[in-house]
């Protein structure tokens, strides 16, 4: 099990908590929680080791496009970068409309 943590400056607030996805069958679970800080902290737990650079790139792209301050927890079970991007977008949408 590998644990990765990334932090980025951010300014927009996520309005509400969000939970999307499930861990299992090559998918992932994402939990988004609003924070009072001006940063996004992403904590990733994955059973697939050695992909830290790929994770960093996917997360950097998401944060640069969305600029949301939140604590994001990702529990991964082998999801592809495309699935990660889709789930992050979905979680952000749920956090805006919950």
PDB file of N, CA and C in Angstrom:
ATOM      1  N   UNK A   1       0.856  -1.168   0.000  1.00  0.00           N
ATOM      2  CA  UNK A   1       0.000   0.000   0.000  1.00  0.00           C
ATOM      3  C   UNK A   1       0.901   1.231   0.000  1.00  0.00           C
ATOM      4  N   UNK A   2       0.630   2.141  -0.893  1.00  0.00           N
ATOM      5  CA  UNK A   2       1.396   3.382  -0.974  1.00  0.00           C
ATOM      6  C   UNK A   2       0.486   4.545  -0.608  1.00  0.00           C
ATOM      7  N   UNK A   3       1.035   5.506   0.121  1.00  0.00           N
ATOM      8  CA  UNK A   3       0.285   6.709   0.490  1.00  0.00           C
ATOM      9  C   UNK A   3       1.025   7.910  -0.077  1.00  0.00           C
ATOM     10  N   UNK A   4       0.308   8.702  -0.860  1.00  0.00           N
ATOM     11  CA  UNK A   4       0.864   9.897  -1.479  1.00  0.00           C
ATOM     12  C   UNK A   4       0.077  11.105  -1.001  1.00  0.00           C
ATOM     13  N   UNK A   5       0.767  12.214  -0.741  1.00  0.00           N
ATOM     14  CA  UNK A   5       0.090  13.444  -0.321  1.00  0.00           C
ATOM     15  C   UNK A   5       0.628  14.598  -1.158  1.00  0.00           C
ATOM     16  N   UNK A   6      -0.288  15.353  -1.738  1.00  0.00           N
ATOM     17  CA  UNK A   6       0.063  16.518  -2.542  1.00  0.00           C
ATOM     18  C   UNK A   6      -0.693  17.724  -2.006  1.00  0.00           C
ATOM     19  N   UNK A   7      -0.068  18.891  -2.079  1.00  0.00           N
ATOM     20  CA  UNK A   7      -0.689  20.121  -1.598  1.00  0.00           C
ATOM     21  C   UNK A   7      -0.470  21.226  -2.624  1.00  0.00           C
ATOM     22  N   UNK A   8      -1.535  22.011  -2.869  1.00  0.00           N
ATOM     23  CA  UNK A   8      -1.485  23.084  -3.858  1.00  0.00           C
ATOM     24  C   UNK A   8      -2.250  24.302  -3.334  1.00  0.00           C
ATOM     25  N   UNK A   9      -1.802  25.518  -3.664  1.00  0.00           N
ATOM     26  CA  UNK A   9      -2.583  26.693  -3.280  1.00  0.00           C
ATOM     27  C   UNK A   9      -3.909  26.714  -4.042  1.00  0.00           C
ATOM     28  N   UNK A  10      -4.945  27.251  -3.411  1.00  0.00           N
ATOM     29  CA  UNK A  10      -6.268  27.315  -4.039  1.00  0.00           C
ATOM     30  C   UNK A  10      -7.056  28.460  -3.420  1.00  0.00           C
ATOM     31  N   UNK A  11      -8.095  28.904  -4.106  1.00  0.00           N
ATOM     32  CA  UNK A  11      -8.858  30.041  -3.593  1.00  0.00           C
ATOM     33  C   UNK A  11     -10.367  29.822  -3.539  1.00  0.00           C
ATOM     34  N   UNK A  12     -10.923  28.972  -4.380  1.00  0.00           N
ATOM     35  CA  UNK A  12     -12.371  28.757  -4.388  1.00  0.00           C
ATOM     36  C   UNK A  12     -12.757  27.692  -3.371  1.00  0.00           C
ATOM     37  N   UNK A  13     -13.874  27.888  -2.721  1.00  0.00           N
ATOM     38  CA  UNK A  13     -14.313  26.982  -1.663  1.00  0.00           C
ATOM     39  C   UNK A  13     -15.275  25.930  -2.219  1.00  0.00           C
ATOM     40  N   UNK A  14     -15.066  24.696  -1.807  1.00  0.00           N
ATOM     41  CA  UNK A  14     -16.040  23.637  -2.090  1.00  0.00           C
ATOM     42  C   UNK A  14     -17.169  23.829  -1.089  1.00  0.00           C
ATOM     43  N   UNK A  15     -18.392  23.810  -1.556  1.00  0.00           N
ATOM     44  CA  UNK A  15     -19.526  24.145  -0.705  1.00  0.00           C
ATOM     45  C   UNK A  15     -19.896  23.049   0.287  1.00  0.00           C
ATOM     46  N   UNK A  16     -19.850  21.794  -0.149  1.00  0.00           N
ATOM     47  CA  UNK A  16     -20.297  20.710   0.720  1.00  0.00           C
ATOM     48  C   UNK A  16     -19.433  19.472   0.510  1.00  0.00           C
ATOM     49  N   UNK A  17     -19.566  18.546   1.434  1.00  0.00           N
ATOM     50  CA  UNK A  17     -18.854  17.274   1.324  1.00  0.00           C
ATOM     51  C   UNK A  17     -19.392  16.490   0.131  1.00  0.00           C
ATOM     52  N   UNK A  18     -18.527  15.635  -0.411  1.00  0.00           N
ATOM     53  CA  UNK A  18     -18.942  14.782  -1.521  1.00  0.00           C
ATOM     54  C   UNK A  18     -18.272  13.421  -1.384  1.00  0.00           C
ATOM     55  N   UNK A  19     -18.981  12.389  -1.842  1.00  0.00           N
ATOM     56  CA  UNK A  19     -18.462  11.024  -1.835  1.00  0.00           C
ATOM     57  C   UNK A  19     -18.905  10.370  -3.130  1.00  0.00           C
ATOM     58  N   UNK A  20     -17.941   9.956  -3.950  1.00  0.00           N
ATOM     59  CA  UNK A  20     -18.274   9.283  -5.208  1.00  0.00           C
ATOM     60  C   UNK A  20     -17.386   8.048  -5.374  1.00  0.00           C
ATOM     61  N   UNK A  21     -17.896   7.082  -6.109  1.00  0.00           N
ATOM     62  CA  UNK A  21     -17.136   5.892  -6.440  1.00  0.00           C
ATOM     63  C   UNK A  21     -17.106   4.867  -5.332  1.00  0.00           C
ATOM     64  N   UNK A  22     -16.512   3.736  -5.670  1.00  0.00           N
ATOM     65  CA  UNK A  22     -16.331   2.638  -4.733  1.00  0.00           C
ATOM     66  C   UNK A  22     -14.929   2.067  -4.933  1.00  0.00           C
ATOM     67  N   UNK A  23     -14.399   1.463  -3.889  1.00  0.00           N
ATOM     68  CA  UNK A  23     -13.100   0.820  -4.016  1.00  0.00           C
ATOM     69  C   UNK A  23     -13.350  -0.640  -4.365  1.00  0.00           C
ATOM     70  N   UNK A  24     -12.840  -1.053  -5.473  1.00  0.00           N
ATOM     71  CA  UNK A  24     -13.006  -2.437  -5.898  1.00  0.00           C
ATOM     72  C   UNK A  24     -13.149  -2.522  -7.398  1.00  0.00           C
ATOM     73  N   UNK A  25     -12.795  -3.636  -7.957  1.00  0.00           N
ATOM     74  CA  UNK A  25     -12.937  -3.890  -9.388  1.00  0.00           C
ATOM     75  C   UNK A  25     -12.266  -2.832 -10.255  1.00  0.00           C
ATOM     76  N   UNK A  26     -11.094  -2.393  -9.866  1.00  0.00           N
ATOM     77  CA  UNK A  26     -10.346  -1.437 -10.681  1.00  0.00           C
ATOM     78  C   UNK A  26     -10.901  -0.033 -10.651  1.00  0.00           C
ATOM     79  N   UNK A  27     -11.579   0.336  -9.614  1.00  0.00           N
ATOM     80  CA  UNK A  27     -12.148   1.680  -9.506  1.00  0.00           C
ATOM     81  C   UNK A  27     -11.549   2.389  -8.300  1.00  0.00           C
ATOM     82  N   UNK A  28     -12.131   3.494  -7.932  1.00  0.00           N
ATOM     83  CA  UNK A  28     -11.655   4.234  -6.782  1.00  0.00           C
ATOM     84  C   UNK A  28     -12.780   5.004  -6.123  1.00  0.00           C
ATOM     85  N   UNK A  29     -12.505   5.417  -4.901  1.00  0.00           N
ATOM     86  CA  UNK A  29     -13.442   6.195  -4.099  1.00  0.00           C
ATOM     87  C   UNK A  29     -12.795   7.550  -3.848  1.00  0.00           C
ATOM     88  N   UNK A  30     -13.602   8.603  -3.968  1.00  0.00           N
ATOM     89  CA  UNK A  30     -13.103   9.946  -3.704  1.00  0.00           C
ATOM     90  C   UNK A  30     -14.024  10.618  -2.691  1.00  0.00           C
ATOM     91  N   UNK A  31     -13.402  11.177  -1.661  1.00  0.00           N
ATOM     92  CA  UNK A  31     -14.114  11.952  -0.652  1.00  0.00           C
ATOM     93  C   UNK A  31     -13.573  13.375  -0.689  1.00  0.00           C
ATOM     94  N   UNK A  32     -14.465  14.342  -0.751  1.00  0.00           N
ATOM     95  CA  UNK A  32     -14.074  15.750  -0.785  1.00  0.00           C
ATOM     96  C   UNK A  32     -14.687  16.441   0.425  1.00  0.00           C
ATOM     97  N   UNK A  33     -13.855  17.165   1.156  1.00  0.00           N
ATOM     98  CA  UNK A  33     -14.329  17.900   2.320  1.00  0.00           C
ATOM     99  C   UNK A  33     -13.895  19.357   2.210  1.00  0.00           C
ATOM    100  N   UNK A  34     -14.821  20.292   2.474  1.00  0.00           N
ATOM    101  CA  UNK A  34     -14.449  21.712   2.478  1.00  0.00           C
ATOM    102  C   UNK A  34     -13.428  21.997   3.575  1.00  0.00           C
ATOM    103  N   UNK A  35     -12.598  22.996   3.357  1.00  0.00           N
ATOM    104  CA  UNK A  35     -11.638  23.427   4.367  1.00  0.00           C
ATOM    105  C   UNK A  35     -11.698  24.939   4.513  1.00  0.00           C
ATOM    106  N   UNK A  36     -11.093  25.433   5.563  1.00  0.00           N
ATOM    107  CA  UNK A  36     -11.015  26.877   5.781  1.00  0.00           C
ATOM    108  C   UNK A  36      -9.664  27.438   5.347  1.00  0.00           C
ATOM    109  N   UNK A  37      -8.872  26.615   4.692  1.00  0.00           N
ATOM    110  CA  UNK A  37      -7.553  27.052   4.245  1.00  0.00           C
ATOM    111  C   UNK A  37      -7.593  27.387   2.765  1.00  0.00           C
ATOM    112  N   UNK A  38      -6.571  28.043   2.302  1.00  0.00           N
ATOM    113  CA  UNK A  38      -6.500  28.360   0.879  1.00  0.00           C
ATOM    114  C   UNK A  38      -5.529  27.411   0.190  1.00  0.00           C
ATOM    115  N   UNK A  39      -5.836  26.133   0.349  1.00  0.00           N
ATOM    116  CA  UNK A  39      -5.039  25.116  -0.308  1.00  0.00           C
ATOM    117  C   UNK A  39      -5.881  23.866  -0.535  1.00  0.00           C
ATOM    118  N   UNK A  40      -5.428  23.079  -1.495  1.00  0.00           N
ATOM    119  CA  UNK A  40      -6.010  21.774  -1.733  1.00  0.00           C
ATOM    120  C   UNK A  40      -4.994  20.743  -1.274  1.00  0.00           C
ATOM    121  N   UNK A  41      -5.429  19.848  -0.419  1.00  0.00           N
ATOM    122  CA  UNK A  41      -4.583  18.748   0.017  1.00  0.00           C
ATOM    123  C   UNK A  41      -5.219  17.470  -0.509  1.00  0.00           C
ATOM    124  N   UNK A  42      -4.439  16.701  -1.245  1.00  0.00           N
ATOM    125  CA  UNK A  42      -4.924  15.453  -1.820  1.00  0.00           C
ATOM    126  C   UNK A  42      -4.127  14.317  -1.196  1.00  0.00           C
ATOM    127  N   UNK A  43      -4.848  13.391  -0.577  1.00  0.00           N
ATOM    128  CA  UNK A  43      -4.244  12.222   0.061  1.00  0.00           C
ATOM    129  C   UNK A  43      -4.705  10.988  -0.700  1.00  0.00           C
ATOM    130  N   UNK A  44      -3.742  10.246  -1.223  1.00  0.00           N
ATOM    131  CA  UNK A  44      -4.048   9.081  -2.049  1.00  0.00           C
ATOM    132  C   UNK A  44      -3.536   7.826  -1.359  1.00  0.00           C
ATOM    133  N   UNK A  45      -4.403   6.846  -1.267  1.00  0.00           N
ATOM    134  CA  UNK A  45      -4.014   5.515  -0.786  1.00  0.00           C
ATOM    135  C   UNK A  45      -4.243   4.545  -1.939  1.00  0.00           C
ATOM    136  N   UNK A  46      -3.172   3.881  -2.347  1.00  0.00           N
ATOM    137  CA  UNK A  46      -3.270   2.979  -3.485  1.00  0.00           C
ATOM    138  C   UNK A  46      -2.472   1.712  -3.250  1.00  0.00           C
ATOM    139  N   UNK A  47      -2.985   0.627  -3.747  1.00  0.00           N
ATOM    140  CA  UNK A  47      -2.285  -0.639  -3.674  1.00  0.00           C
ATOM    141  C   UNK A  47      -1.309  -0.824  -4.822  1.00  0.00           C
ATOM    142  N   UNK A  48      -1.332   0.076  -5.778  1.00  0.00           N
ATOM    143  CA  UNK A  48      -0.456   0.006  -6.943  1.00  0.00           C
ATOM    144  C   UNK A  48       0.699   0.977  -6.709  1.00  0.00           C
ATOM    145  N   UNK A  49       1.879   0.462  -6.472  1.00  0.00           N
ATOM    146  CA  UNK A  49       3.024   1.318  -6.148  1.00  0.00           C
ATOM    147  C   UNK A  49       3.797   1.724  -7.400  1.00  0.00           C
ATOM    148  N   UNK A  50       4.561   2.821  -7.269  1.00  0.00           N
ATOM    149  CA  UNK A  50       5.450   3.258  -8.338  1.00  0.00           C
ATOM    150  C   UNK A  50       4.852   4.228  -9.341  1.00  0.00           C
ATOM    151  N   UNK A  51       3.660   4.750  -9.082  1.00  0.00           N
ATOM    152  CA  UNK A  51       3.019   5.664 -10.022  1.00  0.00           C
ATOM    153  C   UNK A  51       2.857   7.071  -9.448  1.00  0.00           C
ATOM    154  N   UNK A  52       3.726   7.459  -8.533  1.00  0.00           N
ATOM    155  CA  UNK A  52       3.643   8.773  -7.905  1.00  0.00           C
ATOM    156  C   UNK A  52       3.677   9.926  -8.892  1.00  0.00           C
ATOM    157  N   UNK A  53       4.515   9.831  -9.903  1.00  0.00           N
ATOM    158  CA  UNK A  53       4.612  10.909 -10.904  1.00  0.00           C
ATOM    159  C   UNK A  53       3.328  11.008 -11.722  1.00  0.00           C
ATOM    160  N   UNK A  54       2.754   9.887 -12.083  1.00  0.00           N
ATOM    161  CA  UNK A  54       1.481   9.900 -12.822  1.00  0.00           C
ATOM    162  C   UNK A  54       0.382  10.510 -11.972  1.00  0.00           C
ATOM    163  N   UNK A  55       0.312  10.109 -10.698  1.00  0.00           N
ATOM    164  CA  UNK A  55      -0.681  10.693  -9.794  1.00  0.00           C
ATOM    165  C   UNK A  55      -0.481  12.200  -9.688  1.00  0.00           C
ATOM    166  N   UNK A  56       0.764  12.634  -9.505  1.00  0.00           N
ATOM    167  CA  UNK A  56       1.038  14.068  -9.365  1.00  0.00           C
ATOM    168  C   UNK A  56       0.538  14.830 -10.591  1.00  0.00           C
ATOM    169  N   UNK A  57       0.790  14.322 -11.778  1.00  0.00           N
ATOM    170  CA  UNK A  57       0.363  14.993 -13.000  1.00  0.00           C
ATOM    171  C   UNK A  57      -1.156  15.081 -13.103  1.00  0.00           C
ATOM    172  N   UNK A  58      -1.847  13.997 -12.778  1.00  0.00           N
ATOM    173  CA  UNK A  58      -3.315  13.996 -12.832  1.00  0.00           C
ATOM    174  C   UNK A  58      -3.883  15.000 -11.832  1.00  0.00           C
ATOM    175  N   UNK A  59      -3.346  15.003 -10.617  1.00  0.00           N
ATOM    176  CA  UNK A  59      -3.839  15.917  -9.579  1.00  0.00           C
ATOM    177  C   UNK A  59      -3.505  17.361  -9.916  1.00  0.00           C
ATOM    178  N   UNK A  60      -2.283  17.621 -10.395  1.00  0.00           N
ATOM    179  CA  UNK A  60      -1.914  18.987 -10.788  1.00  0.00           C
ATOM    180  C   UNK A  60      -2.842  19.532 -11.868  1.00  0.00           C
ATOM    181  N   UNK A  61      -3.160  18.698 -12.824  1.00  0.00           N
ATOM    182  CA  UNK A  61      -4.065  19.126 -13.901  1.00  0.00           C
ATOM    183  C   UNK A  61      -5.449  19.460 -13.354  1.00  0.00           C
ATOM    184  N   UNK A  62      -5.982  18.604 -12.490  1.00  0.00           N
ATOM    185  CA  UNK A  62      -7.291  18.846 -11.893  1.00  0.00           C
ATOM    186  C   UNK A  62      -7.290  20.152 -11.099  1.00  0.00           C
ATOM    187  N   UNK A  63      -6.292  20.351 -10.266  1.00  0.00           N
ATOM    188  CA  UNK A  63      -6.237  21.549  -9.419  1.00  0.00           C
ATOM    189  C   UNK A  63      -6.057  22.801 -10.271  1.00  0.00           C
ATOM    190  N   UNK A  64      -5.238  22.740 -11.313  1.00  0.00           N
ATOM    191  CA  UNK A  64      -5.039  23.922 -12.161  1.00  0.00           C
ATOM    192  C   UNK A  64      -6.316  24.300 -12.910  1.00  0.00           C
ATOM    193  N   UNK A  65      -7.150  23.323 -13.208  1.00  0.00           N
ATOM    194  CA  UNK A  65      -8.401  23.593 -13.922  1.00  0.00           C
ATOM    195  C   UNK A  65      -9.530  24.018 -12.996  1.00  0.00           C
ATOM    196  N   UNK A  66      -9.439  23.668 -11.699  1.00  0.00           N
ATOM    197  CA  UNK A  66     -10.576  23.887 -10.806  1.00  0.00           C
ATOM    198  C   UNK A  66     -10.309  24.809  -9.626  1.00  0.00           C
ATOM    199  N   UNK A  67      -9.089  24.973  -9.182  1.00  0.00           N
ATOM    200  CA  UNK A  67      -8.729  25.926  -8.130  1.00  0.00           C
ATOM    201  C   UNK A  67      -9.675  25.875  -6.923  1.00  0.00           C
ATOM    202  N   UNK A  68      -9.914  24.702  -6.389  1.00  0.00           N
ATOM    203  CA  UNK A  68     -10.801  24.571  -5.230  1.00  0.00           C
ATOM    204  C   UNK A  68     -10.005  24.221  -3.979  1.00  0.00           C
ATOM    205  N   UNK A  69     -10.322  24.887  -2.894  1.00  0.00           N
ATOM    206  CA  UNK A  69      -9.670  24.550  -1.628  1.00  0.00           C
ATOM    207  C   UNK A  69     -10.499  23.464  -0.955  1.00  0.00           C
ATOM    208  N   UNK A  70      -9.863  22.334  -0.703  1.00  0.00           N
ATOM    209  CA  UNK A  70     -10.560  21.184  -0.130  1.00  0.00           C
ATOM    210  C   UNK A  70      -9.538  20.169   0.353  1.00  0.00           C
ATOM    211  N   UNK A  71     -10.026  19.246   1.159  1.00  0.00           N
ATOM    212  CA  UNK A  71      -9.224  18.070   1.488  1.00  0.00           C
ATOM    213  C   UNK A  71      -9.838  16.926   0.702  1.00  0.00           C
ATOM    214  N   UNK A  72      -9.045  16.334  -0.176  1.00  0.00           N
ATOM    215  CA  UNK A  72      -9.528  15.275  -1.049  1.00  0.00           C
ATOM    216  C   UNK A  72      -8.811  13.980  -0.680  1.00  0.00           C
ATOM    217  N   UNK A  73      -9.593  12.959  -0.393  1.00  0.00           N
ATOM    218  CA  UNK A  73      -9.051  11.643  -0.095  1.00  0.00           C
ATOM    219  C   UNK A  73      -9.419  10.705  -1.231  1.00  0.00           C
ATOM    220  N   UNK A  74      -8.420  10.020  -1.767  1.00  0.00           N
ATOM    221  CA  UNK A  74      -8.640   9.072  -2.848  1.00  0.00           C
ATOM    222  C   UNK A  74      -8.187   7.700  -2.376  1.00  0.00           C
ATOM    223  N   UNK A  75      -9.105   6.750  -2.409  1.00  0.00           N
ATOM    224  CA  UNK A  75      -8.804   5.350  -2.100  1.00  0.00           C
ATOM    225  C   UNK A  75      -8.871   4.599  -3.419  1.00  0.00           C
ATOM    226  N   UNK A  76      -7.703   4.167  -3.902  1.00  0.00           N
ATOM    227  CA  UNK A  76      -7.582   3.613  -5.244  1.00  0.00           C
ATOM    228  C   UNK A  76      -7.424   2.101  -5.239  1.00  0.00           C
ATOM    229  N   UNK A  77      -8.016   1.485  -6.254  1.00  0.00           N
ATOM    230  CA  UNK A  77      -7.855   0.049  -6.457  1.00  0.00           C
ATOM    231  C   UNK A  77      -7.500  -0.206  -7.920  1.00  0.00           C
ATOM    232  N   UNK A  78      -6.519   0.558  -8.428  1.00  0.00           N
ATOM    233  CA  UNK A  78      -6.025   0.341  -9.778  1.00  0.00           C
ATOM    234  C   UNK A  78      -6.739   1.104 -10.871  1.00  0.00           C
ATOM    235  N   UNK A  79      -7.349   2.229 -10.561  1.00  0.00           N
ATOM    236  CA  UNK A  79      -8.045   3.028 -11.575  1.00  0.00           C
ATOM    237  C   UNK A  79      -7.043   3.665 -12.539  1.00  0.00           C
ATOM    238  N   UNK A  80      -7.457   3.836 -13.776  1.00  0.00           N
ATOM    239  CA  UNK A  80      -6.619   4.500 -14.777  1.00  0.00           C
ATOM    240  C   UNK A  80      -6.683   6.013 -14.574  1.00  0.00           C
ATOM    241  N   UNK A  81      -5.708   6.764 -15.120  1.00  0.00           N
ATOM    242  CA  UNK A  81      -5.757   8.229 -15.001  1.00  0.00           C
ATOM    243  C   UNK A  81      -7.059   8.830 -15.530  1.00  0.00           C
ATOM    244  N   UNK A  82      -7.611   8.259 -16.585  1.00  0.00           N
ATOM    245  CA  UNK A  82      -8.876   8.771 -17.120  1.00  0.00           C
ATOM    246  C   UNK A  82     -10.018   8.618 -16.137  1.00  0.00           C
ATOM    247  N   UNK A  83     -10.090   7.481 -15.481  1.00  0.00           N
ATOM    248  CA  UNK A  83     -11.131   7.249 -14.478  1.00  0.00           C
ATOM    249  C   UNK A  83     -10.929   8.200 -13.296  1.00  0.00           C
ATOM    250  N   UNK A  84      -9.688   8.406 -12.886  1.00  0.00           N
ATOM    251  CA  UNK A  84      -9.405   9.332 -11.782  1.00  0.00           C
ATOM    252  C   UNK A  84      -9.912  10.728 -12.134  1.00  0.00           C
ATOM    253  N   UNK A  85      -9.621  11.199 -13.334  1.00  0.00           N
ATOM    254  CA  UNK A  85     -10.057  12.539 -13.759  1.00  0.00           C
ATOM    255  C   UNK A  85     -11.576  12.659 -13.779  1.00  0.00           C
ATOM    256  N   UNK A  86     -12.245  11.639 -14.286  1.00  0.00           N
ATOM    257  CA  UNK A  86     -13.709  11.654 -14.329  1.00  0.00           C
ATOM    258  C   UNK A  86     -14.297  11.668 -12.920  1.00  0.00           C
ATOM    259  N   UNK A  87     -13.778  10.832 -12.044  1.00  0.00           N
ATOM    260  CA  UNK A  87     -14.281  10.781 -10.664  1.00  0.00           C
ATOM    261  C   UNK A  87     -14.019  12.093  -9.924  1.00  0.00           C
ATOM    262  N   UNK A  88     -12.862  12.713 -10.148  1.00  0.00           N
ATOM    263  CA  UNK A  88     -12.587  14.004  -9.502  1.00  0.00           C
ATOM    264  C   UNK A  88     -13.597  15.059  -9.960  1.00  0.00           C
ATOM    265  N   UNK A  89     -13.868  15.105 -11.257  1.00  0.00           N
ATOM    266  CA  UNK A  89     -14.860  16.047 -11.779  1.00  0.00           C
ATOM    267  C   UNK A  89     -16.243  15.765 -11.196  1.00  0.00           C
ATOM    268  N   UNK A  90     -16.580  14.499 -11.110  1.00  0.00           N
ATOM    269  CA  UNK A  90     -17.872  14.101 -10.536  1.00  0.00           C
ATOM    270  C   UNK A  90     -17.961  14.525  -9.077  1.00  0.00           C
ATOM    271  N   UNK A  91     -16.916  14.299  -8.303  1.00  0.00           N
ATOM    272  CA  UNK A  91     -16.907  14.680  -6.892  1.00  0.00           C
ATOM    273  C   UNK A  91     -17.046  16.183  -6.728  1.00  0.00           C
ATOM    274  N   UNK A  92     -16.378  16.940  -7.581  1.00  0.00           N
ATOM    275  CA  UNK A  92     -16.494  18.397  -7.522  1.00  0.00           C
ATOM    276  C   UNK A  92     -17.922  18.845  -7.805  1.00  0.00           C
ATOM    277  N   UNK A  93     -18.547  18.227  -8.788  1.00  0.00           N
ATOM    278  CA  UNK A  93     -19.942  18.560  -9.131  1.00  0.00           C
ATOM    279  C   UNK A  93     -20.882  18.224  -7.975  1.00  0.00           C
ATOM    280  N   UNK A  94     -20.694  17.071  -7.358  1.00  0.00           N
ATOM    281  CA  UNK A  94     -21.525  16.683  -6.222  1.00  0.00           C
ATOM    282  C   UNK A  94     -21.313  17.661  -5.066  1.00  0.00           C
ATOM    283  N   UNK A  95     -20.077  18.092  -4.841  1.00  0.00           N
ATOM    284  CA  UNK A  95     -19.778  19.052  -3.778  1.00  0.00           C
ATOM    285  C   UNK A  95     -20.411  20.407  -3.997  1.00  0.00           C
ATOM    286  N   UNK A  96     -20.657  20.763  -5.236  1.00  0.00           N
ATOM    287  CA  UNK A  96     -21.313  22.034  -5.545  1.00  0.00           C
ATOM    288  C   UNK A  96     -22.830  21.943  -5.401  1.00  0.00           C
ATOM    289  N   UNK A  97     -23.369  20.750  -5.648  1.00  0.00           N
ATOM    290  CA  UNK A  97     -24.826  20.586  -5.714  1.00  0.00           C
ATOM    291  C   UNK A  97     -25.427  19.755  -4.604  1.00  0.00           C
ATOM    292  N   UNK A  98     -24.616  19.325  -3.656  1.00  0.00           N
ATOM    293  CA  UNK A  98     -25.153  18.452  -2.610  1.00  0.00           C
ATOM    294  C   UNK A  98     -26.151  19.152  -1.733  1.00  0.00           C
TER     295      UNK A  98
END
